[in-house]
Amino acid sequence: QSSSTVRYAGSWVAIGNAYASGGSLRY
């Protein structure tokens, strides 16, 4: 989800998460 091929619009929060595929996610 942190790749430059993903663009976000509006309010998103990036957090670390041990269960996420790369150790982090956005919500």
PDB file of all heavy atoms in Angstrom:
ATOM      1  N   GLN A   1       0.816  -1.215   0.000  1.00  0.00           N
ATOM      2  CA  GLN A   1       0.000   0.000   0.000  1.00  0.00           C
ATOM      3  C   GLN A   1       0.850   1.266   0.000  1.00  0.00           C
ATOM      4  O   GLN A   1       0.380   2.328  -0.346  1.00  0.00           O
ATOM      5  CB  GLN A   1      -0.952  -0.009   1.192  1.00  0.00           C
ATOM      6  CG  GLN A   1      -0.339  -0.445   2.528  1.00  0.00           C
ATOM      7  CD  GLN A   1       0.575   0.541   3.183  1.00  0.00           C
ATOM      8  OE1 GLN A   1       0.373   1.735   3.086  1.00  0.00           O
ATOM      9  NE2 GLN A   1       1.599   0.052   3.850  1.00  0.00           N
ATOM     10  N   SER A   2       2.114   1.157   0.340  1.00  0.00           N
ATOM     11  CA  SER A   2       3.012   2.312   0.384  1.00  0.00           C
ATOM     12  C   SER A   2       3.671   2.606  -0.968  1.00  0.00           C
ATOM     13  O   SER A   2       4.393   3.589  -1.100  1.00  0.00           O
ATOM     14  CB  SER A   2       4.094   2.075   1.436  1.00  0.00           C
ATOM     15  OG  SER A   2       4.783   0.861   1.146  1.00  0.00           O
ATOM     16  N   SER A   3       3.407   1.788  -1.980  1.00  0.00           N
ATOM     17  CA  SER A   3       4.027   1.945  -3.296  1.00  0.00           C
ATOM     18  C   SER A   3       3.597   3.257  -3.967  1.00  0.00           C
ATOM     19  O   SER A   3       2.481   3.737  -3.772  1.00  0.00           O
ATOM     20  CB  SER A   3       3.634   0.767  -4.197  1.00  0.00           C
ATOM     21  OG  SER A   3       3.986   1.026  -5.540  1.00  0.00           O
ATOM     22  N   SER A   4       4.475   3.784  -4.806  1.00  0.00           N
ATOM     23  CA  SER A   4       4.146   4.998  -5.568  1.00  0.00           C
ATOM     24  C   SER A   4       3.080   4.732  -6.629  1.00  0.00           C
ATOM     25  O   SER A   4       2.540   5.673  -7.208  1.00  0.00           O
ATOM     26  CB  SER A   4       5.409   5.571  -6.227  1.00  0.00           C
ATOM     27  OG  SER A   4       5.924   4.629  -7.160  1.00  0.00           O
ATOM     28  N   THR A   5       2.750   3.472  -6.879  1.00  0.00           N
ATOM     29  CA  THR A   5       1.691   3.138  -7.839  1.00  0.00           C
ATOM     30  C   THR A   5       0.299   3.224  -7.210  1.00  0.00           C
ATOM     31  O   THR A   5      -0.696   2.994  -7.874  1.00  0.00           O
ATOM     32  CB  THR A   5       1.887   1.733  -8.433  1.00  0.00           C
ATOM     33  OG1 THR A   5       1.877   0.768  -7.379  1.00  0.00           O
ATOM     34  CG2 THR A   5       3.193   1.640  -9.208  1.00  0.00           C
ATOM     35  N   VAL A   6       0.248   3.555  -5.914  1.00  0.00           N
ATOM     36  CA  VAL A   6      -1.022   3.754  -5.213  1.00  0.00           C
ATOM     37  C   VAL A   6      -1.131   5.225  -4.826  1.00  0.00           C
ATOM     38  O   VAL A   6      -0.253   5.762  -4.144  1.00  0.00           O
ATOM     39  CB  VAL A   6      -1.121   2.876  -3.946  1.00  0.00           C
ATOM     40  CG1 VAL A   6      -2.500   3.012  -3.318  1.00  0.00           C
ATOM     41  CG2 VAL A   6      -0.805   1.413  -4.257  1.00  0.00           C
ATOM     42  N   ARG A   7      -2.192   5.887  -5.301  1.00  0.00           N
ATOM     43  CA  ARG A   7      -2.448   7.298  -4.985  1.00  0.00           C
ATOM     44  C   ARG A   7      -3.641   7.384  -4.040  1.00  0.00           C
ATOM     45  O   ARG A   7      -4.650   6.713  -4.248  1.00  0.00           O
ATOM     46  CB  ARG A   7      -2.740   8.096  -6.252  1.00  0.00           C
ATOM     47  CG  ARG A   7      -1.554   8.233  -7.186  1.00  0.00           C
ATOM     48  CD  ARG A   7      -1.850   9.139  -8.394  1.00  0.00           C
ATOM     49  NE  ARG A   7      -3.242   9.273  -8.771  1.00  0.00           N
ATOM     50  CZ  ARG A   7      -3.897   8.476  -9.630  1.00  0.00           C
ATOM     51  NH1 ARG A   7      -3.277   7.480 -10.213  1.00  0.00           N
ATOM     52  NH2 ARG A   7      -5.162   8.699  -9.929  1.00  0.00           N
ATOM     53  N   TYR A   8      -3.511   8.232  -3.034  1.00  0.00           N
ATOM     54  CA  TYR A   8      -4.564   8.391  -2.036  1.00  0.00           C
ATOM     55  C   TYR A   8      -5.175   9.782  -2.144  1.00  0.00           C
ATOM     56  O   TYR A   8      -4.471  10.756  -2.350  1.00  0.00           O
ATOM     57  CB  TYR A   8      -4.006   8.179  -0.628  1.00  0.00           C
ATOM     58  CG  TYR A   8      -3.536   6.757  -0.412  1.00  0.00           C
ATOM     59  CD1 TYR A   8      -2.219   6.388  -0.658  1.00  0.00           C
ATOM     60  CD2 TYR A   8      -4.422   5.783   0.017  1.00  0.00           C
ATOM     61  CE1 TYR A   8      -1.795   5.085  -0.477  1.00  0.00           C
ATOM     62  CE2 TYR A   8      -4.008   4.468   0.202  1.00  0.00           C
ATOM     63  CZ  TYR A   8      -2.696   4.131  -0.047  1.00  0.00           C
ATOM     64  OH  TYR A   8      -2.283   2.836   0.118  1.00  0.00           O
ATOM     65  N   ALA A   9      -6.482   9.850  -1.980  1.00  0.00           N
ATOM     66  CA  ALA A   9      -7.201  11.128  -1.936  1.00  0.00           C
ATOM     67  C   ALA A   9      -8.089  11.101  -0.697  1.00  0.00           C
ATOM     68  O   ALA A   9      -8.666  10.062  -0.360  1.00  0.00           O
ATOM     69  CB  ALA A   9      -8.045  11.318  -3.194  1.00  0.00           C
ATOM     70  N   GLY A  10      -8.185  12.218  -0.017  1.00  0.00           N
ATOM     71  CA  GLY A  10      -8.951  12.264   1.217  1.00  0.00           C
ATOM     72  C   GLY A  10      -8.067  11.884   2.390  1.00  0.00           C
ATOM     73  O   GLY A  10      -6.843  11.860   2.294  1.00  0.00           O
ATOM     74  N   SER A  11      -8.690  11.571   3.504  1.00  0.00           N
ATOM     75  CA  SER A  11      -7.980  11.317   4.756  1.00  0.00           C
ATOM     76  C   SER A  11      -7.631   9.836   4.921  1.00  0.00           C
ATOM     77  O   SER A  11      -8.523   8.989   5.038  1.00  0.00           O
ATOM     78  CB  SER A  11      -8.854  11.782   5.924  1.00  0.00           C
ATOM     79  OG  SER A  11      -8.202  11.545   7.134  1.00  0.00           O
ATOM     80  N   TRP A  12      -6.326   9.528   4.947  1.00  0.00           N
ATOM     81  CA  TRP A  12      -5.813   8.167   5.153  1.00  0.00           C
ATOM     82  C   TRP A  12      -4.724   8.214   6.216  1.00  0.00           C
ATOM     83  O   TRP A  12      -3.951   9.169   6.279  1.00  0.00           O
ATOM     84  CB  TRP A  12      -5.225   7.594   3.864  1.00  0.00           C
ATOM     85  CG  TRP A  12      -6.260   7.271   2.848  1.00  0.00           C
ATOM     86  CD1 TRP A  12      -6.778   8.127   1.914  1.00  0.00           C
ATOM     87  CD2 TRP A  12      -6.933   6.031   2.667  1.00  0.00           C
ATOM     88  NE1 TRP A  12      -7.728   7.480   1.161  1.00  0.00           N
ATOM     89  CE2 TRP A  12      -7.846   6.188   1.603  1.00  0.00           C
ATOM     90  CE3 TRP A  12      -6.852   4.791   3.297  1.00  0.00           C
ATOM     91  CZ2 TRP A  12      -8.668   5.155   1.149  1.00  0.00           C
ATOM     92  CZ3 TRP A  12      -7.664   3.762   2.845  1.00  0.00           C
ATOM     93  CH2 TRP A  12      -8.561   3.946   1.789  1.00  0.00           C
ATOM     94  N   VAL A  13      -4.636   7.172   7.030  1.00  0.00           N
ATOM     95  CA  VAL A  13      -3.637   7.071   8.082  1.00  0.00           C
ATOM     96  C   VAL A  13      -2.758   5.861   7.796  1.00  0.00           C
ATOM     97  O   VAL A  13      -3.269   4.769   7.552  1.00  0.00           O
ATOM     98  CB  VAL A  13      -4.314   6.915   9.466  1.00  0.00           C
ATOM     99  CG1 VAL A  13      -3.272   6.725  10.559  1.00  0.00           C
ATOM    100  CG2 VAL A  13      -5.218   8.099   9.764  1.00  0.00           C
ATOM    101  N   ALA A  14      -1.438   6.056   7.827  1.00  0.00           N
ATOM    102  CA  ALA A  14      -0.487   4.952   7.669  1.00  0.00           C
ATOM    103  C   ALA A  14      -0.058   4.496   9.054  1.00  0.00           C
ATOM    104  O   ALA A  14       0.337   5.328   9.882  1.00  0.00           O
ATOM    105  CB  ALA A  14       0.724   5.409   6.861  1.00  0.00           C
ATOM    106  N   ILE A  15      -0.169   3.180   9.312  1.00  0.00           N
ATOM    107  CA  ILE A  15       0.221   2.649  10.618  1.00  0.00           C
ATOM    108  C   ILE A  15       0.955   1.327  10.452  1.00  0.00           C
ATOM    109  O   ILE A  15       0.729   0.593   9.493  1.00  0.00           O
ATOM    110  CB  ILE A  15      -1.000   2.434  11.555  1.00  0.00           C
ATOM    111  CG1 ILE A  15      -1.988   1.425  10.954  1.00  0.00           C
ATOM    112  CG2 ILE A  15      -1.673   3.733  11.900  1.00  0.00           C
ATOM    113  CD1 ILE A  15      -3.032   0.929  11.928  1.00  0.00           C
ATOM    114  N   GLY A  16       1.822   1.031  11.403  1.00  0.00           N
ATOM    115  CA  GLY A  16       2.447  -0.277  11.459  1.00  0.00           C
ATOM    116  C   GLY A  16       1.438  -1.283  11.989  1.00  0.00           C
ATOM    117  O   GLY A  16       0.615  -0.952  12.845  1.00  0.00           O
ATOM    118  N   ASN A  17       1.499  -2.505  11.466  1.00  0.00           N
ATOM    119  CA  ASN A  17       0.577  -3.549  11.910  1.00  0.00           C
ATOM    120  C   ASN A  17       1.250  -4.897  11.659  1.00  0.00           C
ATOM    121  O   ASN A  17       1.554  -5.233  10.517  1.00  0.00           O
ATOM    122  CB  ASN A  17      -0.750  -3.447  11.162  1.00  0.00           C
ATOM    123  CG  ASN A  17      -1.779  -4.423  11.664  1.00  0.00           C
ATOM    124  OD1 ASN A  17      -1.557  -5.627  11.665  1.00  0.00           O
ATOM    125  ND2 ASN A  17      -2.924  -3.897  12.075  1.00  0.00           N
ATOM    126  N   ALA A  18       1.468  -5.661  12.713  1.00  0.00           N
ATOM    127  CA  ALA A  18       2.164  -6.938  12.597  1.00  0.00           C
ATOM    128  C   ALA A  18       1.419  -7.941  11.736  1.00  0.00           C
ATOM    129  O   ALA A  18       2.027  -8.860  11.191  1.00  0.00           O
ATOM    130  CB  ALA A  18       2.395  -7.529  13.988  1.00  0.00           C
ATOM    131  N   TYR A  19       0.106  -7.786  11.578  1.00  0.00           N
ATOM    132  CA  TYR A  19      -0.686  -8.724  10.773  1.00  0.00           C
ATOM    133  C   TYR A  19      -0.726  -8.338   9.291  1.00  0.00           C
ATOM    134  O   TYR A  19      -1.159  -9.119   8.460  1.00  0.00           O
ATOM    135  CB  TYR A  19      -2.119  -8.821  11.303  1.00  0.00           C
ATOM    136  CG  TYR A  19      -2.198  -9.369  12.696  1.00  0.00           C
ATOM    137  CD1 TYR A  19      -2.442  -8.538  13.775  1.00  0.00           C
ATOM    138  CD2 TYR A  19      -2.004 -10.728  12.927  1.00  0.00           C
ATOM    139  CE1 TYR A  19      -2.514  -9.047  15.059  1.00  0.00           C
ATOM    140  CE2 TYR A  19      -2.078 -11.250  14.210  1.00  0.00           C
ATOM    141  CZ  TYR A  19      -2.331 -10.394  15.273  1.00  0.00           C
ATOM    142  OH  TYR A  19      -2.397 -10.907  16.534  1.00  0.00           O
ATOM    143  N   ALA A  20      -0.285  -7.134   8.955  1.00  0.00           N
ATOM    144  CA  ALA A  20      -0.314  -6.660   7.571  1.00  0.00           C
ATOM    145  C   ALA A  20       0.775  -7.343   6.756  1.00  0.00           C
ATOM    146  O   ALA A  20       1.822  -7.734   7.280  1.00  0.00           O
ATOM    147  CB  ALA A  20      -0.140  -5.147   7.517  1.00  0.00           C
ATOM    148  N   SER A  21       0.556  -7.447   5.466  1.00  0.00           N
ATOM    149  CA  SER A  21       1.468  -8.204   4.607  1.00  0.00           C
ATOM    150  C   SER A  21       2.884  -7.647   4.631  1.00  0.00           C
ATOM    151  O   SER A  21       3.834  -8.405   4.640  1.00  0.00           O
ATOM    152  CB  SER A  21       0.904  -8.285   3.184  1.00  0.00           C
ATOM    153  OG  SER A  21       1.530  -7.442   2.302  1.00  0.00           O
ATOM    154  N   GLY A  22       3.057  -6.353   4.669  1.00  0.00           N
ATOM    155  CA  GLY A  22       4.393  -5.759   4.701  1.00  0.00           C
ATOM    156  C   GLY A  22       4.714  -5.100   6.029  1.00  0.00           C
ATOM    157  O   GLY A  22       5.655  -4.319   6.124  1.00  0.00           O
ATOM    158  N   GLY A  23       3.904  -5.376   7.052  1.00  0.00           N
ATOM    159  CA  GLY A  23       4.144  -4.785   8.362  1.00  0.00           C
ATOM    160  C   GLY A  23       3.488  -3.435   8.572  1.00  0.00           C
ATOM    161  O   GLY A  23       3.648  -2.831   9.631  1.00  0.00           O
ATOM    162  N   SER A  24       2.767  -2.942   7.559  1.00  0.00           N
ATOM    163  CA  SER A  24       2.039  -1.681   7.701  1.00  0.00           C
ATOM    164  C   SER A  24       0.843  -1.689   6.762  1.00  0.00           C
ATOM    165  O   SER A  24       0.738  -2.521   5.856  1.00  0.00           O
ATOM    166  CB  SER A  24       2.948  -0.484   7.389  1.00  0.00           C
ATOM    167  OG  SER A  24       3.302  -0.480   6.019  1.00  0.00           O
ATOM    168  N   LEU A  25      -0.065  -0.739   7.002  1.00  0.00           N
ATOM    169  CA  LEU A  25      -1.238  -0.583   6.141  1.00  0.00           C
ATOM    170  C   LEU A  25      -1.679   0.865   6.192  1.00  0.00           C
ATOM    171  O   LEU A  25      -1.144   1.662   6.949  1.00  0.00           O
ATOM    172  CB  LEU A  25      -2.368  -1.530   6.569  1.00  0.00           C
ATOM    173  CG  LEU A  25      -2.911  -1.405   7.989  1.00  0.00           C
ATOM    174  CD1 LEU A  25      -3.956  -0.313   8.130  1.00  0.00           C
ATOM    175  CD2 LEU A  25      -3.527  -2.731   8.393  1.00  0.00           C
ATOM    176  N   ARG A  26      -2.653   1.186   5.366  1.00  0.00           N
ATOM    177  CA  ARG A  26      -3.308   2.492   5.430  1.00  0.00           C
ATOM    178  C   ARG A  26      -4.784   2.250   5.643  1.00  0.00           C
ATOM    179  O   ARG A  26      -5.349   1.297   5.117  1.00  0.00           O
ATOM    180  CB  ARG A  26      -3.093   3.292   4.151  1.00  0.00           C
ATOM    181  CG  ARG A  26      -1.676   3.768   4.040  1.00  0.00           C
ATOM    182  CD  ARG A  26      -1.547   4.921   3.105  1.00  0.00           C
ATOM    183  NE  ARG A  26      -0.123   5.129   2.879  1.00  0.00           N
ATOM    184  CZ  ARG A  26       0.370   6.117   2.186  1.00  0.00           C
ATOM    185  NH1 ARG A  26      -0.427   6.984   1.626  1.00  0.00           N
ATOM    186  NH2 ARG A  26       1.670   6.245   2.046  1.00  0.00           N
ATOM    187  N   TYR A  27      -5.391   3.151   6.428  1.00  0.00           N
ATOM    188  CA  TYR A  27      -6.830   3.028   6.623  1.00  0.00           C
ATOM    189  C   TYR A  27      -7.476   4.405   6.584  1.00  0.00           C
ATOM    190  O   TYR A  27      -6.828   5.426   6.802  1.00  0.00           O
ATOM    191  CB  TYR A  27      -7.165   2.303   7.931  1.00  0.00           C
ATOM    192  CG  TYR A  27      -6.967   3.128   9.184  1.00  0.00           C
ATOM    193  CD1 TYR A  27      -8.001   3.932   9.684  1.00  0.00           C
ATOM    194  CD2 TYR A  27      -5.765   3.099   9.874  1.00  0.00           C
ATOM    195  CE1 TYR A  27      -7.820   4.689  10.826  1.00  0.00           C
ATOM    196  CE2 TYR A  27      -5.579   3.850  11.020  1.00  0.00           C
ATOM    197  CZ  TYR A  27      -6.608   4.637  11.496  1.00  0.00           C
ATOM    198  OH  TYR A  27      -6.433   5.392  12.624  1.00  0.00           O
TER     199      TYR A  27
END
